[in-house]
Protein backbone atom coordinates (compact mmCIF):
# COMPACT_ATOMS: atom_id res chain seq x y z
CA UNK A 1 0.00 0.00 0.00
CA UNK A 2 1.19 3.48 -0.86
CA UNK A 3 1.92 5.46 2.34
CA UNK A 4 3.45 8.92 2.57
CA UNK A 5 5.20 10.00 5.79
CA UNK A 6 5.58 13.50 7.22
CA UNK A 7 7.65 13.86 10.41
CA UNK A 8 8.83 16.32 12.99
CA UNK A 9 10.63 15.77 16.29
CA UNK A 10 7.46 14.71 18.10
CA UNK A 11 5.45 12.66 15.61
CA UNK A 12 5.09 11.09 12.18
CA UNK A 13 1.91 11.52 10.14
CA UNK A 14 1.01 8.76 7.70
CA UNK A 15 -1.20 9.45 4.69
CA UNK A 16 -2.64 6.64 2.55
CA UNK A 17 -3.79 8.31 -0.70
CA UNK A 18 -5.62 5.19 -1.95
CA UNK A 19 -7.77 5.20 1.22
CA UNK A 20 -8.48 8.95 1.19
CA UNK A 21 -12.06 9.89 0.27
CA UNK A 22 -11.22 13.60 -0.07
CA UNK A 23 -13.80 14.73 2.49
CA UNK A 24 -11.62 17.82 3.14
CA UNK A 25 -12.02 17.57 6.92
CA UNK A 26 -8.26 18.01 7.22
CA UNK A 27 -8.14 21.07 4.95
CA UNK A 28 -11.10 22.73 6.67
CA UNK A 29 -9.79 22.01 10.17
CA UNK A 30 -6.11 22.95 9.66
CA UNK A 31 -5.73 24.89 6.39
CA UNK A 32 -2.22 26.04 7.33
CA UNK A 33 -1.13 22.39 7.51
CA UNK A 34 -3.05 20.78 4.64
CA UNK A 35 -2.93 22.38 1.19
CA UNK A 36 -3.51 19.95 -1.69
CA UNK A 37 -2.26 22.54 -4.20
CA UNK A 38 1.25 22.55 -2.72
CA UNK A 39 4.08 20.05 -2.48
CA UNK A 40 4.47 18.71 0.10
CA UNK A 41 0.76 19.09 0.76
CA UNK A 42 1.16 18.42 4.50
CA UNK A 43 3.20 20.99 6.39
CA UNK A 44 3.44 19.37 9.81
CA UNK A 45 5.36 22.32 11.25
CA UNK A 46 2.32 24.62 10.95
CA UNK A 47 0.41 23.16 13.92
CA UNK A 48 1.05 21.77 17.37
CA UNK A 49 1.21 18.05 17.97
CA UNK A 50 -2.08 18.24 19.91
CA UNK A 51 -3.82 20.11 17.06
CA UNK A 52 -2.56 17.52 14.57
CA UNK A 53 -3.66 14.59 16.75
CA UNK A 54 -7.15 16.06 17.22
CA UNK A 55 -7.58 16.63 13.50
CA UNK A 56 -6.21 13.23 12.42
CA UNK A 57 -8.57 11.46 14.82
CA UNK A 58 -11.48 13.08 12.91
CA UNK A 59 -10.39 11.75 9.51
CA UNK A 60 -13.49 9.84 8.31
CA UNK A 61 -11.66 7.44 5.98
CA UNK A 62 -8.70 6.59 8.20
CA UNK A 63 -6.34 7.75 5.46
CA UNK A 64 -4.48 9.87 8.02
CA UNK A 65 -2.86 8.33 11.06
CA UNK A 66 0.06 9.18 13.31
CA UNK A 67 2.67 7.78 15.63
CA UNK A 68 4.19 9.73 18.50
CA UNK A 69 7.96 9.47 18.90
CA UNK A 70 9.28 8.25 22.23
PDB file of N, CA and C in Angstrom:
ATOM      1  N   UNK A   1       0.848  -1.189   0.000  1.00  0.00           N
ATOM      2  CA  UNK A   1       0.000   0.000   0.000  1.00  0.00           C
ATOM      3  C   UNK A   1       0.889   1.247   0.000  1.00  0.00           C
ATOM      4  N   UNK A   2       0.477   2.218  -0.743  1.00  0.00           N
ATOM      5  CA  UNK A   2       1.188   3.484  -0.857  1.00  0.00           C
ATOM      6  C   UNK A   2       0.947   4.321   0.402  1.00  0.00           C
ATOM      7  N   UNK A   3       2.015   4.655   1.122  1.00  0.00           N
ATOM      8  CA  UNK A   3       1.916   5.458   2.338  1.00  0.00           C
ATOM      9  C   UNK A   3       2.971   6.555   2.285  1.00  0.00           C
ATOM     10  N   UNK A   4       2.542   7.785   2.513  1.00  0.00           N
ATOM     11  CA  UNK A   4       3.447   8.924   2.574  1.00  0.00           C
ATOM     12  C   UNK A   4       3.649   9.286   4.041  1.00  0.00           C
ATOM     13  N   UNK A   5       4.880   9.646   4.404  1.00  0.00           N
ATOM     14  CA  UNK A   5       5.201   9.996   5.787  1.00  0.00           C
ATOM     15  C   UNK A   5       5.668  11.448   5.883  1.00  0.00           C
ATOM     16  N   UNK A   6       5.207  12.113   6.934  1.00  0.00           N
ATOM     17  CA  UNK A   6       5.579  13.496   7.224  1.00  0.00           C
ATOM     18  C   UNK A   6       5.946  13.549   8.704  1.00  0.00           C
ATOM     19  N   UNK A   7       7.174  13.942   9.031  1.00  0.00           N
ATOM     20  CA  UNK A   7       7.649  13.857  10.410  1.00  0.00           C
ATOM     21  C   UNK A   7       8.181  15.177  10.944  1.00  0.00           C
ATOM     22  N   UNK A   8       8.101  15.295  12.253  1.00  0.00           N
ATOM     23  CA  UNK A   8       8.828  16.322  12.986  1.00  0.00           C
ATOM     24  C   UNK A   8       9.464  15.632  14.187  1.00  0.00           C
ATOM     25  N   UNK A   9       9.958  16.378  15.144  1.00  0.00           N
ATOM     26  CA  UNK A   9      10.630  15.770  16.288  1.00  0.00           C
ATOM     27  C   UNK A   9       9.684  14.982  17.185  1.00  0.00           C
ATOM     28  N   UNK A  10       8.406  15.321  17.169  1.00  0.00           N
ATOM     29  CA  UNK A  10       7.463  14.709  18.100  1.00  0.00           C
ATOM     30  C   UNK A  10       6.605  13.593  17.506  1.00  0.00           C
ATOM     31  N   UNK A  11       6.372  13.635  16.187  1.00  0.00           N
ATOM     32  CA  UNK A  11       5.452  12.658  15.607  1.00  0.00           C
ATOM     33  C   UNK A  11       5.717  12.427  14.127  1.00  0.00           C
ATOM     34  N   UNK A  12       5.124  11.357  13.619  1.00  0.00           N
ATOM     35  CA  UNK A  12       5.087  11.085  12.184  1.00  0.00           C
ATOM     36  C   UNK A  12       3.628  10.941  11.779  1.00  0.00           C
ATOM     37  N   UNK A  13       3.249  11.645  10.720  1.00  0.00           N
ATOM     38  CA  UNK A  13       1.911  11.523  10.141  1.00  0.00           C
ATOM     39  C   UNK A  13       2.021  10.599   8.935  1.00  0.00           C
ATOM     40  N   UNK A  14       1.074   9.674   8.830  1.00  0.00           N
ATOM     41  CA  UNK A  14       1.009   8.759   7.697  1.00  0.00           C
ATOM     42  C   UNK A  14      -0.241   9.088   6.883  1.00  0.00           C
ATOM     43  N   UNK A  15      -0.074   9.191   5.584  1.00  0.00           N
ATOM     44  CA  UNK A  15      -1.205   9.446   4.685  1.00  0.00           C
ATOM     45  C   UNK A  15      -1.249   8.349   3.637  1.00  0.00           C
ATOM     46  N   UNK A  16      -2.416   7.704   3.529  1.00  0.00           N
ATOM     47  CA  UNK A  16      -2.644   6.644   2.545  1.00  0.00           C
ATOM     48  C   UNK A  16      -3.550   7.210   1.448  1.00  0.00           C
ATOM     49  N   UNK A  17      -2.978   7.667   0.337  1.00  0.00           N
ATOM     50  CA  UNK A  17      -3.792   8.306  -0.704  1.00  0.00           C
ATOM     51  C   UNK A  17      -4.855   7.394  -1.307  1.00  0.00           C
ATOM     52  N   UNK A  18      -4.619   6.093  -1.353  1.00  0.00           N
ATOM     53  CA  UNK A  18      -5.617   5.190  -1.946  1.00  0.00           C
ATOM     54  C   UNK A  18      -6.813   4.969  -1.029  1.00  0.00           C
ATOM     55  N   UNK A  19      -6.685   5.318   0.250  1.00  0.00           N
ATOM     56  CA  UNK A  19      -7.774   5.199   1.216  1.00  0.00           C
ATOM     57  C   UNK A  19      -8.552   6.507   1.327  1.00  0.00           C
ATOM     58  N   UNK A  20      -7.906   7.615   1.018  1.00  0.00           N
ATOM     59  CA  UNK A  20      -8.476   8.952   1.185  1.00  0.00           C
ATOM     60  C   UNK A  20      -9.745   9.129   0.341  1.00  0.00           C
ATOM     61  N   UNK A  21     -10.804   9.634   0.988  1.00  0.00           N
ATOM     62  CA  UNK A  21     -12.064   9.886   0.269  1.00  0.00           C
ATOM     63  C   UNK A  21     -12.246  11.375  -0.040  1.00  0.00           C
ATOM     64  N   UNK A  22     -11.234  12.171   0.239  1.00  0.00           N
ATOM     65  CA  UNK A  22     -11.225  13.602  -0.072  1.00  0.00           C
ATOM     66  C   UNK A  22     -12.427  14.338   0.519  1.00  0.00           C
ATOM     67  N   UNK A  23     -12.696  14.053   1.786  1.00  0.00           N
ATOM     68  CA  UNK A  23     -13.797  14.726   2.487  1.00  0.00           C
ATOM     69  C   UNK A  23     -13.436  16.157   2.859  1.00  0.00           C
ATOM     70  N   UNK A  24     -12.156  16.483   2.843  1.00  0.00           N
ATOM     71  CA  UNK A  24     -11.622  17.822   3.137  1.00  0.00           C
ATOM     72  C   UNK A  24     -11.738  18.215   4.598  1.00  0.00           C
ATOM     73  N   UNK A  25     -12.000  17.270   5.487  1.00  0.00           N
ATOM     74  CA  UNK A  25     -12.023  17.570   6.919  1.00  0.00           C
ATOM     75  C   UNK A  25     -10.672  18.124   7.345  1.00  0.00           C
ATOM     76  N   UNK A  26      -9.602  17.552   6.848  1.00  0.00           N
ATOM     77  CA  UNK A  26      -8.257  18.013   7.220  1.00  0.00           C
ATOM     78  C   UNK A  26      -8.017  19.443   6.753  1.00  0.00           C
ATOM     79  N   UNK A  27      -8.367  19.735   5.522  1.00  0.00           N
ATOM     80  CA  UNK A  27      -8.142  21.070   4.948  1.00  0.00           C
ATOM     81  C   UNK A  27      -8.985  22.115   5.669  1.00  0.00           C
ATOM     82  N   UNK A  28     -10.221  21.781   5.994  1.00  0.00           N
ATOM     83  CA  UNK A  28     -11.101  22.728   6.672  1.00  0.00           C
ATOM     84  C   UNK A  28     -10.679  22.950   8.127  1.00  0.00           C
ATOM     85  N   UNK A  29     -10.172  21.911   8.766  1.00  0.00           N
ATOM     86  CA  UNK A  29      -9.789  22.008  10.174  1.00  0.00           C
ATOM     87  C   UNK A  29      -8.456  22.724  10.350  1.00  0.00           C
ATOM     88  N   UNK A  30      -7.453  22.367   9.538  1.00  0.00           N
ATOM     89  CA  UNK A  30      -6.114  22.950   9.658  1.00  0.00           C
ATOM     90  C   UNK A  30      -5.595  23.382   8.281  1.00  0.00           C
ATOM     91  N   UNK A  31      -6.138  24.466   7.732  1.00  0.00           N
ATOM     92  CA  UNK A  31      -5.728  24.890   6.392  1.00  0.00           C
ATOM     93  C   UNK A  31      -4.262  25.306   6.279  1.00  0.00           C
ATOM     94  N   UNK A  32      -3.644  25.681   7.389  1.00  0.00           N
ATOM     95  CA  UNK A  32      -2.220  26.040   7.328  1.00  0.00           C
ATOM     96  C   UNK A  32      -1.333  24.801   7.238  1.00  0.00           C
ATOM     97  N   UNK A  33      -1.879  23.645   7.574  1.00  0.00           N
ATOM     98  CA  UNK A  33      -1.127  22.388   7.508  1.00  0.00           C
ATOM     99  C   UNK A  33      -1.391  21.670   6.183  1.00  0.00           C
ATOM    100  N   UNK A  34      -2.655  21.571   5.799  1.00  0.00           N
ATOM    101  CA  UNK A  34      -3.054  20.775   4.640  1.00  0.00           C
ATOM    102  C   UNK A  34      -3.423  21.681   3.467  1.00  0.00           C
ATOM    103  N   UNK A  35      -2.645  21.609   2.401  1.00  0.00           N
ATOM    104  CA  UNK A  35      -2.928  22.376   1.195  1.00  0.00           C
ATOM    105  C   UNK A  35      -2.652  21.482  -0.011  1.00  0.00           C
ATOM    106  N   UNK A  36      -3.699  20.897  -0.583  1.00  0.00           N
ATOM    107  CA  UNK A  36      -3.511  19.950  -1.685  1.00  0.00           C
ATOM    108  C   UNK A  36      -2.915  20.562  -2.951  1.00  0.00           C
ATOM    109  N   UNK A  37      -2.849  21.883  -3.019  1.00  0.00           N
ATOM    110  CA  UNK A  37      -2.265  22.540  -4.197  1.00  0.00           C
ATOM    111  C   UNK A  37      -0.757  22.704  -4.091  1.00  0.00           C
ATOM    112  N   UNK A  38      -0.189  22.374  -2.934  1.00  0.00           N
ATOM    113  CA  UNK A  38       1.249  22.554  -2.719  1.00  0.00           C
ATOM    114  C   UNK A  38       1.948  21.211  -2.533  1.00  0.00           C
ATOM    115  N   UNK A  39       3.251  21.226  -2.719  1.00  0.00           N
ATOM    116  CA  UNK A  39       4.083  20.045  -2.479  1.00  0.00           C
ATOM    117  C   UNK A  39       5.156  20.424  -1.487  1.00  0.00           C
ATOM    118  N   UNK A  40       5.358  19.751  -0.391  1.00  0.00           N
ATOM    119  CA  UNK A  40       4.466  18.706   0.102  1.00  0.00           C
ATOM    120  C   UNK A  40       3.136  19.316   0.561  1.00  0.00           C
ATOM    121  N   UNK A  41       2.093  18.547   0.460  1.00  0.00           N
ATOM    122  CA  UNK A  41       0.765  19.093   0.762  1.00  0.00           C
ATOM    123  C   UNK A  41       0.493  19.121   2.266  1.00  0.00           C
ATOM    124  N   UNK A  42       1.279  18.381   3.042  1.00  0.00           N
ATOM    125  CA  UNK A  42       1.161  18.418   4.498  1.00  0.00           C
ATOM    126  C   UNK A  42       2.381  19.134   5.057  1.00  0.00           C
ATOM    127  N   UNK A  43       2.136  20.228   5.741  1.00  0.00           N
ATOM    128  CA  UNK A  43       3.204  20.989   6.393  1.00  0.00           C
ATOM    129  C   UNK A  43       3.026  20.840   7.901  1.00  0.00           C
ATOM    130  N   UNK A  44       3.603  19.770   8.409  1.00  0.00           N
ATOM    131  CA  UNK A  44       3.437  19.372   9.807  1.00  0.00           C
ATOM    132  C   UNK A  44       3.889  20.450  10.785  1.00  0.00           C
ATOM    133  N   UNK A  45       4.816  21.293  10.357  1.00  0.00           N
ATOM    134  CA  UNK A  45       5.361  22.323  11.245  1.00  0.00           C
ATOM    135  C   UNK A  45       4.387  23.467  11.512  1.00  0.00           C
ATOM    136  N   UNK A  46       3.256  23.507  10.816  1.00  0.00           N
ATOM    137  CA  UNK A  46       2.315  24.622  10.952  1.00  0.00           C
ATOM    138  C   UNK A  46       1.219  24.405  11.991  1.00  0.00           C
ATOM    139  N   UNK A  47       1.384  23.392  12.850  1.00  0.00           N
ATOM    140  CA  UNK A  47       0.413  23.156  13.922  1.00  0.00           C
ATOM    141  C   UNK A  47       1.122  22.441  15.065  1.00  0.00           C
ATOM    142  N   UNK A  48       0.499  22.488  16.230  1.00  0.00           N
ATOM    143  CA  UNK A  48       1.054  21.772  17.372  1.00  0.00           C
ATOM    144  C   UNK A  48       0.730  20.288  17.237  1.00  0.00           C
ATOM    145  N   UNK A  49       1.454  19.495  17.980  1.00  0.00           N
ATOM    146  CA  UNK A  49       1.206  18.049  17.973  1.00  0.00           C
ATOM    147  C   UNK A  49      -0.228  17.759  18.402  1.00  0.00           C
ATOM    148  N   UNK A  50      -0.706  18.449  19.422  1.00  0.00           N
ATOM    149  CA  UNK A  50      -2.078  18.238  19.905  1.00  0.00           C
ATOM    150  C   UNK A  50      -3.105  18.597  18.829  1.00  0.00           C
ATOM    151  N   UNK A  51      -2.906  19.723  18.142  1.00  0.00           N
ATOM    152  CA  UNK A  51      -3.822  20.110  17.059  1.00  0.00           C
ATOM    153  C   UNK A  51      -3.827  19.040  15.958  1.00  0.00           C
ATOM    154  N   UNK A  52      -2.659  18.548  15.606  1.00  0.00           N
ATOM    155  CA  UNK A  52      -2.559  17.516  14.570  1.00  0.00           C
ATOM    156  C   UNK A  52      -3.251  16.227  15.010  1.00  0.00           C
ATOM    157  N   UNK A  53      -3.020  15.816  16.241  1.00  0.00           N
ATOM    158  CA  UNK A  53      -3.657  14.593  16.746  1.00  0.00           C
ATOM    159  C   UNK A  53      -5.176  14.718  16.721  1.00  0.00           C
ATOM    160  N   UNK A  54      -5.690  15.859  17.206  1.00  0.00           N
ATOM    161  CA  UNK A  54      -7.148  16.064  17.224  1.00  0.00           C
ATOM    162  C   UNK A  54      -7.739  16.013  15.827  1.00  0.00           C
ATOM    163  N   UNK A  55      -7.072  16.623  14.859  1.00  0.00           N
ATOM    164  CA  UNK A  55      -7.583  16.632  13.496  1.00  0.00           C
ATOM    165  C   UNK A  55      -7.510  15.235  12.882  1.00  0.00           C
ATOM    166  N   UNK A  56      -6.392  14.556  13.030  1.00  0.00           N
ATOM    167  CA  UNK A  56      -6.213  13.235  12.424  1.00  0.00           C
ATOM    168  C   UNK A  56      -7.239  12.244  12.961  1.00  0.00           C
ATOM    169  N   UNK A  57      -7.572  12.362  14.230  1.00  0.00           N
ATOM    170  CA  UNK A  57      -8.567  11.465  14.819  1.00  0.00           C
ATOM    171  C   UNK A  57      -9.966  11.686  14.242  1.00  0.00           C
ATOM    172  N   UNK A  58     -10.186  12.791  13.547  1.00  0.00           N
ATOM    173  CA  UNK A  58     -11.480  13.076  12.914  1.00  0.00           C
ATOM    174  C   UNK A  58     -11.527  12.678  11.440  1.00  0.00           C
ATOM    175  N   UNK A  59     -10.434  12.145  10.914  1.00  0.00           N
ATOM    176  CA  UNK A  59     -10.391  11.747   9.506  1.00  0.00           C
ATOM    177  C   UNK A  59     -11.390  10.609   9.274  1.00  0.00           C
ATOM    178  N   UNK A  60     -12.428  10.835   8.455  1.00  0.00           N
ATOM    179  CA  UNK A  60     -13.491   9.840   8.307  1.00  0.00           C
ATOM    180  C   UNK A  60     -13.066   8.558   7.587  1.00  0.00           C
ATOM    181  N   UNK A  61     -12.065   8.627   6.753  1.00  0.00           N
ATOM    182  CA  UNK A  61     -11.661   7.438   5.984  1.00  0.00           C
ATOM    183  C   UNK A  61     -10.560   6.631   6.650  1.00  0.00           C
ATOM    184  N   UNK A  62      -9.860   7.252   7.604  1.00  0.00           N
ATOM    185  CA  UNK A  62      -8.703   6.593   8.202  1.00  0.00           C
ATOM    186  C   UNK A  62      -7.455   6.716   7.342  1.00  0.00           C
ATOM    187  N   UNK A  63      -7.496   7.570   6.334  1.00  0.00           N
ATOM    188  CA  UNK A  63      -6.341   7.753   5.456  1.00  0.00           C
ATOM    189  C   UNK A  63      -5.191   8.440   6.184  1.00  0.00           C
ATOM    190  N   UNK A  64      -5.507   9.215   7.206  1.00  0.00           N
ATOM    191  CA  UNK A  64      -4.479   9.873   8.019  1.00  0.00           C
ATOM    192  C   UNK A  64      -4.360   9.142   9.357  1.00  0.00           C
ATOM    193  N   UNK A  65      -3.124   8.901   9.744  1.00  0.00           N
ATOM    194  CA  UNK A  65      -2.862   8.330  11.064  1.00  0.00           C
ATOM    195  C   UNK A  65      -1.550   8.916  11.550  1.00  0.00           C
ATOM    196  N   UNK A  66      -1.187   8.624  12.791  1.00  0.00           N
ATOM    197  CA  UNK A  66       0.060   9.180  13.310  1.00  0.00           C
ATOM    198  C   UNK A  66       0.669   8.243  14.322  1.00  0.00           C
ATOM    199  N   UNK A  67       1.942   8.477  14.586  1.00  0.00           N
ATOM    200  CA  UNK A  67       2.673   7.782  15.632  1.00  0.00           C
ATOM    201  C   UNK A  67       3.502   8.815  16.365  1.00  0.00           C
ATOM    202  N   UNK A  68       3.389   8.829  17.684  1.00  0.00           N
ATOM    203  CA  UNK A  68       4.194   9.729  18.500  1.00  0.00           C
ATOM    204  C   UNK A  68       5.569   9.116  18.700  1.00  0.00           C
ATOM    205  N   UNK A  69       6.597   9.932  18.667  1.00  0.00           N
ATOM    206  CA  UNK A  69       7.960   9.467  18.896  1.00  0.00           C
ATOM    207  C   UNK A  69       8.209   9.388  20.394  1.00  0.00           C
ATOM    208  N   UNK A  70       8.979   8.443  20.790  1.00  0.00           N
ATOM    209  CA  UNK A  70       9.283   8.255  22.229  1.00  0.00           C
ATOM    210  C   UNK A  70      10.386   9.161  22.664  1.00  0.00           C
TER     211      UNK A  70
END
